Protein backbone atom coordinates (compact mmCIF):
# COMPACT_ATOMS: atom_id res chain seq x y z
CA MET A 1 117.50 83.53 119.08
CA GLN A 2 115.06 80.75 119.86
CA PHE A 3 112.40 80.45 117.17
CA THR A 4 110.30 77.38 117.90
CA LEU A 5 108.99 76.24 114.55
CA ALA A 6 105.84 74.17 114.99
CA ASP A 7 105.94 70.62 113.59
CA SER A 8 103.06 71.27 111.21
CA ALA A 9 104.52 74.48 109.77
CA ARG A 10 105.10 74.59 106.00
CA LEU A 11 106.40 76.98 103.35
CA ILE A 12 104.69 76.79 99.95
CA ASP A 13 105.79 78.39 96.68
CA ALA A 14 102.61 79.41 94.85
CA SER A 15 104.35 79.47 91.48
CA ASN A 16 105.05 75.71 91.42
CA ASN A 17 103.55 74.32 94.67
CA PHE A 18 107.03 73.40 95.93
CA THR A 19 106.65 72.75 99.66
CA LEU A 20 109.02 72.56 102.61
CA ASP A 21 107.80 70.92 105.81
CA SER A 22 109.06 71.90 109.24
CA ALA A 23 112.03 69.52 109.22
CA ALA A 24 113.10 70.64 105.73
CA ILE A 25 112.80 74.29 106.72
CA GLN A 26 115.11 73.73 109.68
CA ARG A 27 117.66 71.87 107.53
CA ARG A 28 117.74 74.62 104.93
CA VAL A 29 117.98 77.32 107.60
CA LYS A 30 121.05 75.58 109.07
CA GLN A 31 122.63 75.42 105.61
CA TRP A 32 122.19 79.15 105.21
CA GLN A 33 123.63 79.77 108.65
CA THR A 34 126.70 77.68 107.82
CA LEU A 35 127.21 79.59 104.58
CA LEU A 36 126.81 83.08 106.04
CA LEU A 37 128.84 82.41 109.18
CA GLY A 38 131.51 80.72 107.09
CA TYR A 39 132.01 83.97 105.21
CA GLU A 40 131.99 85.89 108.49
CA GLY A 41 128.72 87.63 107.71
CA CYS A 42 128.18 90.40 110.23
CA ARG A 43 126.01 92.81 108.27
CA VAL A 44 124.04 91.18 105.47
CA VAL A 45 121.87 92.92 102.88
CA LEU A 46 119.15 90.98 101.07
CA THR A 47 117.63 92.23 97.82
CA ALA A 48 115.39 89.61 96.28
CA ASP A 49 111.88 89.00 95.07
CA SER A 50 109.47 87.38 97.50
CA GLY A 51 110.00 83.63 97.72
CA ILE A 52 110.86 80.72 99.99
CA ASN A 53 114.59 81.49 99.82
CA TRP A 54 113.94 85.00 101.11
CA ILE A 55 112.23 83.53 104.18
CA LEU A 56 114.97 80.94 104.75
CA VAL A 57 117.67 83.62 104.75
CA ASP A 58 115.61 85.75 107.10
CA LEU A 59 115.08 82.88 109.55
CA ALA A 60 118.75 81.90 109.36
CA CYS A 61 119.84 85.39 110.33
CA LEU A 62 117.17 85.71 113.02
CA THR A 63 118.13 82.48 114.78
CA ALA A 64 121.90 82.94 114.37
CA GLY A 65 121.95 86.55 115.52
CA ILE A 66 123.23 87.86 112.16
CA LEU A 67 122.31 91.46 111.41
CA LEU A 68 120.08 91.42 108.32
CA THR A 69 118.83 94.35 106.29
CA PRO A 70 116.20 93.30 103.74
CA LEU A 71 115.72 96.06 101.18
CA PRO A 72 112.53 96.61 99.18
CA THR A 73 113.10 96.16 95.46
CA TYR A 74 111.24 99.41 94.73
CA LEU A 75 113.79 101.73 96.35
CA SER A 76 115.37 104.16 93.92
CA GLU A 77 119.09 103.87 93.15
CA ALA A 78 119.74 106.99 95.21
CA GLN A 79 117.91 105.52 98.20
CA ARG A 80 119.71 102.20 97.91
CA SER A 81 123.06 103.96 97.70
CA ALA A 82 122.24 105.92 100.84
CA VAL A 83 121.43 102.69 102.68
CA LEU A 84 124.70 101.03 101.62
CA THR A 85 126.68 104.07 102.70
CA LYS A 86 125.09 104.12 106.13
CA LEU A 87 125.15 100.38 106.74
CA GLN A 88 128.41 99.30 105.07
CA PRO A 89 127.31 95.63 104.75
CA ASN A 90 130.05 93.06 104.22
CA LEU A 91 127.79 90.50 102.47
CA TRP A 92 125.08 91.05 99.91
CA LEU A 93 122.55 88.45 98.77
CA SER A 94 120.67 89.14 95.56
CA ASP A 95 118.58 87.31 92.98
CA VAL A 96 119.96 89.50 90.17
CA GLU A 97 123.50 90.24 89.08
CA ILE A 98 125.04 93.24 90.82
CA THR A 99 127.07 95.35 88.44
CA ASP A 100 126.69 98.93 89.66
CA VAL A 101 128.39 98.49 93.04
CA ALA A 102 131.93 97.28 93.73
CA CYS A 103 131.66 93.76 95.13
CA THR A 104 132.97 90.23 94.54
CA LEU A 105 130.85 87.20 93.74
CA LEU A 106 131.59 84.47 96.30
CA GLU A 107 129.15 81.77 95.21
CA GLU A 108 125.60 81.01 94.20
CA PHE A 109 123.39 79.03 96.52
CA ASP A 110 119.71 78.15 96.48
CA GLY A 111 118.88 80.63 93.71
CA LEU A 112 120.67 83.59 95.29
CA SER A 113 124.08 85.08 94.55
CA LEU A 114 126.31 85.92 97.51
CA TYR A 115 128.64 88.90 97.12
CA ARG A 116 131.34 90.31 99.39
CA ARG A 117 131.69 94.06 99.75
CA GLU A 118 134.74 95.87 100.97
CA VAL A 119 133.79 97.77 104.09
CA ASN A 120 135.32 101.24 104.01
CA SER A 121 134.54 102.34 107.52
CA ASN A 122 133.30 101.07 110.83
CA VAL A 123 129.60 101.52 111.39
CA MET A 124 128.15 101.97 114.84
CA VAL A 125 125.00 99.90 115.12
CA ALA A 126 123.03 99.90 118.35
CA ALA A 127 123.79 96.92 120.58
CA GLY A 128 121.21 94.18 120.22
CA THR A 129 120.21 95.06 116.66
CA GLN A 130 119.32 91.97 114.60
CA LYS A 131 117.32 93.54 111.80
CA ILE A 132 117.29 96.94 110.18
CA THR A 133 114.13 97.66 108.29
CA PHE A 134 114.06 100.49 105.80
CA THR A 135 110.64 101.86 105.07
CA SER A 136 109.83 103.79 101.90
CA GLY A 137 110.93 106.87 103.78
CA SER A 138 109.15 110.21 104.03
CA THR A 139 112.04 111.82 102.14
CA GLY A 140 114.62 110.62 99.63
CA ASP A 141 116.84 109.29 102.42
CA PRO A 142 114.79 106.68 104.31
CA LYS A 143 115.54 105.87 107.93
CA GLY A 144 116.82 102.48 109.00
CA VAL A 145 114.86 101.24 112.01
CA CYS A 146 116.99 99.05 114.29
CA LEU A 147 115.12 96.09 115.80
CA SER A 148 116.12 93.34 118.20
CA ALA A 149 115.16 89.72 117.65
CA ARG A 150 113.22 89.86 120.90
CA SER A 151 111.04 92.77 119.83
CA GLN A 152 110.14 90.99 116.58
CA LEU A 153 109.25 87.70 118.24
CA ASP A 154 107.29 89.39 121.02
CA VAL A 155 104.99 90.87 118.39
CA ALA A 156 104.78 87.61 116.42
CA LEU A 157 103.78 85.61 119.52
CA ALA A 158 101.25 88.22 120.63
CA LEU A 159 99.73 88.26 117.14
CA LYS A 160 99.56 84.47 117.14
CA ALA A 161 97.53 84.60 120.36
CA ARG A 162 95.25 87.41 119.13
CA VAL A 163 94.49 85.71 115.80
CA GLU A 164 93.87 82.34 117.49
CA HIS A 165 91.25 84.14 119.57
CA ILE A 166 89.51 85.17 116.35
CA SER A 167 90.02 81.97 114.34
CA GLU A 168 90.57 78.57 115.90
CA SER A 169 91.44 76.78 112.65
CA SER A 170 95.02 76.19 111.54
CA ALA A 171 96.70 79.06 109.72
CA ARG A 172 97.00 79.18 105.94
CA HIS A 173 98.39 82.58 105.09
CA LEU A 174 99.03 84.01 101.62
CA CYS A 175 101.69 86.74 101.58
CA LEU A 176 100.49 89.55 99.32
CA LEU A 177 102.72 92.40 100.52
CA PRO A 178 106.43 92.31 99.61
CA LEU A 179 108.34 90.34 102.25
CA PRO A 180 110.64 93.27 103.17
CA THR A 181 107.49 94.96 104.46
CA LEU A 182 107.89 94.48 108.21
CA LEU A 183 104.17 93.88 108.72
CA GLU A 184 104.17 90.94 106.29
CA ASN A 185 107.54 89.73 107.58
CA ILE A 186 106.39 89.43 111.19
CA ALA A 187 102.62 88.99 111.00
CA GLY A 188 102.54 87.09 107.71
CA VAL A 189 105.56 84.80 108.15
CA TYR A 190 106.67 84.51 111.76
CA ALA A 191 103.24 84.34 113.40
CA PRO A 192 101.78 81.63 111.08
CA LEU A 193 104.95 79.49 111.29
CA LEU A 194 104.91 79.71 115.09
CA ALA A 195 101.25 78.66 114.96
CA GLY A 196 102.08 75.61 112.83
CA GLY A 197 100.40 76.90 109.70
CA ASP A 198 101.12 77.21 106.00
CA VAL A 199 102.85 80.31 104.63
CA ILE A 200 102.32 80.71 100.89
CA VAL A 201 104.64 83.03 98.96
CA ALA A 202 104.65 84.22 95.37
CA PRO A 203 106.94 86.49 93.31
CA ASP A 204 105.91 90.03 92.40
CA ALA A 205 104.76 89.11 88.89
CA LEU A 206 102.44 86.36 90.11
CA ARG A 207 100.96 88.79 92.65
CA GLY A 208 100.49 91.43 89.96
CA PHE A 209 103.00 93.88 91.43
CA SER A 210 105.51 96.11 89.68
CA GLY A 211 107.68 98.00 92.12
CA SER A 212 105.53 99.11 95.04
CA ARG A 213 102.38 99.28 92.94
CA LEU A 214 99.73 96.75 92.01
CA THR A 215 99.60 96.93 88.21
CA ALA A 216 97.80 93.67 87.34
CA PRO A 217 94.97 93.18 89.83
CA GLN A 218 93.57 90.23 87.86
CA ARG A 219 96.69 88.23 88.71
CA LEU A 220 96.27 88.97 92.39
CA LEU A 221 92.65 87.88 92.31
CA GLN A 222 93.53 84.69 90.43
CA LEU A 223 96.23 83.90 92.99
CA ILE A 224 93.84 84.33 95.92
CA SER A 225 91.21 82.19 94.21
CA ALA A 226 93.73 79.46 93.39
CA GLN A 227 95.35 79.30 96.83
CA GLN A 228 92.18 79.55 98.97
CA PRO A 229 93.99 81.13 101.94
CA LYS A 230 92.52 81.59 105.40
CA SER A 231 94.28 84.87 106.05
CA LEU A 232 95.65 87.90 104.20
CA ILE A 233 97.35 91.16 105.16
CA LEU A 234 96.33 94.21 103.15
CA VAL A 235 96.99 97.91 102.89
CA PRO A 236 93.82 99.98 102.32
CA GLU A 237 94.37 100.28 98.58
CA LEU A 238 94.40 96.49 98.17
CA LEU A 239 91.28 96.23 100.31
CA LYS A 240 89.50 98.70 98.03
CA MET A 241 90.53 96.64 95.02
CA LEU A 242 89.13 93.43 96.56
CA ILE A 243 85.89 95.20 97.45
CA GLN A 244 85.57 96.48 93.90
CA ALA A 245 86.29 93.03 92.49
CA ALA A 246 83.75 91.35 94.77
CA SER A 247 81.17 93.99 93.80
CA GLN A 248 81.78 93.17 90.13
CA GLY A 249 81.39 89.43 90.47
CA TRP A 250 84.65 88.02 91.81
CA THR A 251 83.85 85.12 94.10
CA VAL A 252 85.39 85.68 97.52
CA PRO A 253 86.94 82.39 98.71
CA THR A 254 84.92 80.85 101.53
CA SER A 255 88.23 79.83 103.07
CA LEU A 256 88.94 83.42 104.15
CA GLU A 257 88.55 83.88 107.90
CA PHE A 258 90.82 86.80 108.73
CA ILE A 259 92.02 89.79 106.72
CA ALA A 260 94.19 92.30 108.57
CA VAL A 261 94.35 95.80 107.16
CA GLY A 262 96.79 98.48 108.26
CA GLY A 263 99.13 101.20 107.09
CA ALA A 264 96.53 103.95 106.77
CA TYR A 265 93.03 104.86 107.93
CA VAL A 266 90.09 102.72 106.83
CA SER A 267 86.57 103.99 107.46
CA PRO A 268 84.01 101.85 109.32
CA ALA A 269 81.71 102.15 106.29
CA LEU A 270 84.34 100.54 104.07
CA MET A 271 84.97 97.81 106.65
CA LYS A 272 81.26 96.99 106.85
CA LYS A 273 80.92 96.97 103.07
CA ALA A 274 83.81 94.51 102.92
CA ALA A 275 82.10 92.28 105.49
CA SER A 276 78.84 92.32 103.51
CA LEU A 277 80.77 90.99 100.51
CA GLY A 278 82.35 88.15 102.48
CA LEU A 279 85.67 89.85 103.29
CA PRO A 280 86.33 89.41 107.04
CA VAL A 281 88.43 92.53 107.67
CA TYR A 282 90.02 93.49 110.98
CA GLN A 283 91.81 96.81 111.36
CA GLY A 284 95.11 97.25 113.15
CA PHE A 285 97.68 99.90 113.96
CA GLY A 286 101.44 99.84 114.23
CA LEU A 287 104.78 101.30 113.22
CA SER A 288 108.20 99.90 112.44
CA GLU A 289 109.83 101.40 115.53
CA CYS A 290 107.62 99.16 117.67
CA GLY A 291 108.21 95.97 115.69
CA SER A 292 105.21 96.62 113.45
CA VAL A 293 101.82 95.85 115.05
CA VAL A 294 100.82 97.66 118.23
CA ALA A 295 97.07 97.02 118.29
CA LEU A 296 94.66 94.77 116.43
CA SER A 297 90.89 94.71 116.53
CA ASP A 298 89.03 91.48 117.24
CA THR A 299 85.57 93.01 116.73
CA PRO A 300 83.49 90.99 114.23
CA PRO A 301 83.70 92.80 110.88
CA LYS A 302 79.97 93.47 110.61
CA TYR A 303 80.24 95.54 113.79
CA ALA A 304 83.34 97.43 112.67
CA THR A 305 84.01 100.80 114.27
CA GLU A 306 86.80 103.36 114.00
CA SER A 307 88.71 101.44 116.66
CA VAL A 308 91.96 99.67 115.80
CA GLY A 309 91.42 97.37 118.78
CA GLN A 310 93.19 96.85 122.05
CA PRO A 311 96.99 96.89 122.27
CA LEU A 312 98.76 93.54 121.94
CA ALA A 313 99.76 91.82 125.16
CA CYS A 314 103.41 92.76 124.59
CA ARG A 315 102.71 96.46 124.13
CA ASP A 316 102.02 99.01 126.86
CA VAL A 317 100.62 102.25 125.47
CA GLN A 318 99.36 105.54 126.82
CA ILE A 319 98.07 108.82 125.45
CA ILE A 320 100.13 111.89 126.34
CA ASN A 321 98.78 115.30 125.34
CA GLY A 322 96.56 113.58 122.84
CA GLU A 323 99.41 111.65 121.18
CA LEU A 324 99.70 107.87 121.23
CA VAL A 325 102.90 106.80 122.98
CA VAL A 326 104.18 103.22 123.08
CA ASN A 327 106.23 102.36 126.15
CA THR A 328 108.77 100.02 124.62
CA PRO A 329 112.56 100.12 124.25
CA PHE A 330 113.52 101.32 120.78
CA LEU A 331 117.13 100.79 119.72
CA GLY A 332 117.16 103.83 117.46
CA TYR A 333 117.88 104.63 113.82
CA LEU A 334 120.94 103.59 111.87
CA GLY A 335 123.49 106.37 111.74
CA GLU A 336 121.65 108.60 114.20
CA ALA A 337 123.36 108.90 117.56
CA HIS A 338 121.18 109.22 120.64
CA SER A 339 118.00 108.16 118.82
CA ALA A 340 117.37 105.23 121.17
CA THR A 341 114.48 105.72 123.56
CA GLN A 342 112.29 103.93 126.09
CA GLN A 343 109.15 105.55 124.69
CA VAL A 344 108.07 105.83 121.08
CA TYR A 345 106.01 108.91 120.27
CA THR A 346 104.00 107.81 117.26
CA GLY A 347 102.95 111.20 115.92
CA ASP A 348 99.35 109.95 115.84
CA LEU A 349 96.54 111.57 117.79
CA ALA A 350 94.43 108.97 119.58
CA GLU A 351 91.83 108.35 122.26
CA TRP A 352 90.48 105.41 124.22
CA THR A 353 87.02 104.01 123.53
CA ALA A 354 84.67 103.00 126.32
CA HIS A 355 85.76 99.39 125.77
CA GLY A 356 89.48 100.07 126.20
CA ALA A 357 90.32 100.05 122.51
CA LEU A 358 92.28 102.66 120.59
CA ARG A 359 90.80 105.11 118.14
CA ILE A 360 93.29 106.91 115.88
CA LEU A 361 92.24 110.50 115.17
CA GLY A 362 94.89 111.64 112.69
CA ARG A 363 98.51 112.65 112.21
CA ARG A 364 100.07 115.30 114.41
CA LYS A 365 102.55 116.37 111.79
CA ASN A 366 101.97 117.24 108.20
CA MET A 367 102.73 113.90 106.58
CA LEU A 368 100.99 112.20 103.68
CA ILE A 369 100.31 108.47 104.02
CA ASN A 370 99.02 107.04 100.78
CA SER A 371 96.58 104.14 100.63
CA PHE A 372 99.47 101.71 100.12
CA GLY A 373 100.83 102.78 103.50
CA ARG A 374 103.81 104.74 102.11
CA ASN A 375 104.93 107.81 104.04
CA ILE A 376 105.63 110.86 101.91
CA SER A 377 106.90 114.24 103.05
CA PRO A 378 105.19 116.73 100.73
CA GLU A 379 108.03 119.22 101.08
CA TRP A 380 110.44 116.67 99.57
CA VAL A 381 108.51 116.39 96.31
CA GLU A 382 107.48 120.04 96.25
CA THR A 383 111.11 121.10 96.51
CA ALA A 384 112.07 118.77 93.66
CA LEU A 385 109.41 120.42 91.50
CA THR A 386 110.28 124.03 92.35
CA ASP A 387 114.00 123.27 92.00
CA SER A 388 113.31 122.69 88.31
CA GLY A 389 113.24 126.44 87.79
CA VAL A 390 109.97 126.11 85.86
CA VAL A 391 107.46 125.33 88.60
CA GLN A 392 107.27 128.30 90.95
CA GLN A 393 104.84 126.88 93.49
CA ALA A 394 103.74 123.33 94.26
CA MET A 395 101.53 121.61 96.79
CA LEU A 396 101.54 117.84 96.93
CA LEU A 397 98.39 115.88 97.75
CA GLY A 398 97.60 112.23 98.17
CA ASP A 399 96.80 111.41 101.79
CA ALA A 400 94.84 108.11 101.81
CA GLN A 401 94.96 108.09 97.99
CA PRO A 402 96.61 105.50 95.72
CA TYR A 403 98.89 108.05 94.08
CA CYS A 404 100.09 111.64 94.40
CA GLY A 405 98.51 114.66 92.81
CA ALA A 406 99.62 118.28 92.92
CA LEU A 407 98.59 121.88 92.51
CA LEU A 408 101.23 123.64 90.40
CA PHE A 409 101.86 127.21 89.36
CA ALA A 410 104.17 128.13 86.50
CA PRO A 411 104.47 131.46 84.65
CA ALA A 412 102.21 132.00 81.65
CA GLU A 413 105.14 131.75 79.24
CA VAL A 414 105.62 128.12 80.22
CA SER A 415 103.56 125.98 77.87
CA ASP A 416 101.47 123.05 79.06
CA ILE A 417 103.74 120.75 77.07
CA LYS A 418 106.81 122.17 78.79
CA LEU A 419 105.19 121.74 82.21
CA ASP A 420 104.36 118.12 81.38
CA GLU A 421 108.00 117.54 80.44
CA VAL A 422 109.27 119.07 83.68
CA VAL A 423 106.94 116.97 85.84
CA ALA A 424 107.97 113.83 83.96
CA LYS A 425 111.65 114.67 84.45
CA VAL A 426 111.18 115.26 88.19
CA ASN A 427 109.29 112.00 88.49
CA LEU A 428 112.30 110.13 87.18
CA GLN A 429 114.22 111.29 90.25
CA LEU A 430 111.59 109.92 92.64
CA PRO A 431 110.54 106.42 93.71
CA ASP A 432 107.23 105.38 92.15
CA TYR A 433 105.09 105.99 95.24
CA ALA A 434 106.13 109.68 95.39
CA ARG A 435 105.66 110.56 91.72
CA VAL A 436 103.06 113.10 90.62
CA VAL A 437 100.49 111.15 88.62
CA SER A 438 98.04 114.01 88.09
CA TYR A 439 98.18 117.75 88.60
CA HIS A 440 96.11 120.89 88.25
CA ARG A 441 97.76 123.99 86.82
CA LEU A 442 96.86 127.09 88.80
CA ALA A 443 95.82 130.24 86.98
CA ALA A 444 97.18 132.41 89.79
CA PRO A 445 99.83 131.79 92.44
CA PHE A 446 99.22 131.22 96.12
CA SER A 447 99.53 134.49 98.03
CA VAL A 448 99.44 136.09 101.45
CA GLN A 449 96.56 138.30 100.24
CA HIS A 450 94.38 135.27 99.60
CA SER A 451 95.48 133.59 102.86
CA THR A 452 97.01 130.66 100.97
CA LEU A 453 100.51 131.61 102.11
CA THR A 454 101.82 132.59 105.53
CA ASP A 455 103.72 135.84 105.98
CA ASN A 456 107.00 133.95 105.55
CA GLY A 457 105.83 132.23 102.38
CA ARG A 458 104.79 128.82 103.70
CA LEU A 459 101.74 127.05 102.32
CA ARG A 460 98.54 127.28 104.33
CA ARG A 461 97.56 123.76 103.44
CA SER A 462 94.15 123.61 105.07
CA ARG A 463 93.13 126.89 103.48
CA ILE A 464 94.37 125.76 100.07
CA GLU A 465 92.44 122.50 100.36
CA GLN A 466 89.30 124.50 101.06
CA CYS A 467 89.83 126.97 98.23
CA TYR A 468 90.64 124.31 95.63
CA ALA A 469 88.42 121.45 96.81
CA PRO A 470 86.82 120.80 93.38
CA GLN A 471 90.17 120.83 91.58
CA ILE A 472 91.73 118.54 94.19
CA SER A 473 88.81 116.14 93.98
CA ALA A 474 89.24 115.97 90.21
CA LEU A 475 92.86 114.85 90.64
CA PHE A 476 91.71 111.60 92.22
CA THR A 477 88.62 110.75 90.20
CA GLY A 478 88.46 107.83 87.83
CA ASP A 479 88.80 104.12 88.31
CA LYS A 480 92.37 103.00 88.77
CA TYR A 481 91.59 99.30 88.43
CA GLU A 482 90.22 97.97 85.18
CA LEU A 483 88.82 94.62 86.20
CA LEU A 484 87.84 93.41 82.78
CA SER A 485 88.54 89.72 83.27
CA ILE A 486 87.60 88.86 86.81
CA PRO A 487 88.22 85.20 87.73
CA ALA A 488 85.24 83.42 89.20
């Protein structure tokens, strides 16, 4: 696939300032292609921390037509095993030793170890698939979204044009989200490189991340201050952290010209507050099935509205029965026959504004999307809790919140200590974004008589949220970020 790297493009490692210019990037990409093709790589899995080598492998596979599946490091072992079973990759690149899966070390190159796996069965992958991106998954078995090289580059080029309309200066982008995140992969790496800009990468620890969570916000702030980027991509939870930091004295770099936020709803009030603090935030909308970004606002931040902007030039969208539909070929999901389609029904309710922009009104289905942009099916976690034999009823909460909370009912003979132990044990079975961080123990169970259950025993979620509004609010009170040492 043709990927025209601009002459001024550079990759920069924030941990040591190691830099590759355009010519060096192309040389290293060719080396990776020679290595992978030499070992007959047809389905390659990449599990590595964010870094320059991650990007080089990704570009090598993109331009050589090698099917690549980059896996987030925060997937649970069960999720990773499910991916390997479905994909049956013949090569695996990792920055840590692999001991729990049968494979053979071939060689080490450029800081990564290359392993061969014995493929036990043929896997039918949709024709034209170049990348399979696995999201966090709404259940324990995440779906693999099959993408063509063309669909990825169409979005990258359209984003390049949209951002150049907003900012005419050369790109200098700092990657804050993990690189396996498709949004960062395409909008944070491809688009800036095509525009001839700098792409700055840093490992999880330097960015203050542990798993999928930000655990050391001071490190993230220090990194932004040190690198003076022109652009960032954030999920709402990171935006809230930056707003809090700026409110408490953190100096927002004057270099910042464009901050894209997506993954979950952000209110206009929060956008305008960000702008007043010097954070130029633009809201967007997208989904993996469409190659990530579908629409991006170019409205000046101080005039922010609920709109996510007009669709990108490469995306034709319409609203059918209130639901946003993207008219684009989708290759389908790995392991799911007949899932390919010419139209992607997003599951989001939407409407057009008077200016031809999109306004997202909410989710059609009952799905939680936390403020880090992770999709969580509440039934998945609720079932894990009630399967314990101790918790009789559970309702998971956490839409647009940084973590999950729950309403739980257990019989009176179950002590609070025992309930704590059960929740902790269930959490060990779940990836970090789906774990129950706080819960309220109900004094009485949900019931049909109180209209909190349907006749067939299903939760009446809206009614429960009304009945227990104070208790639910208490689950998400408190300051998650302790910004005690804010860099100037």
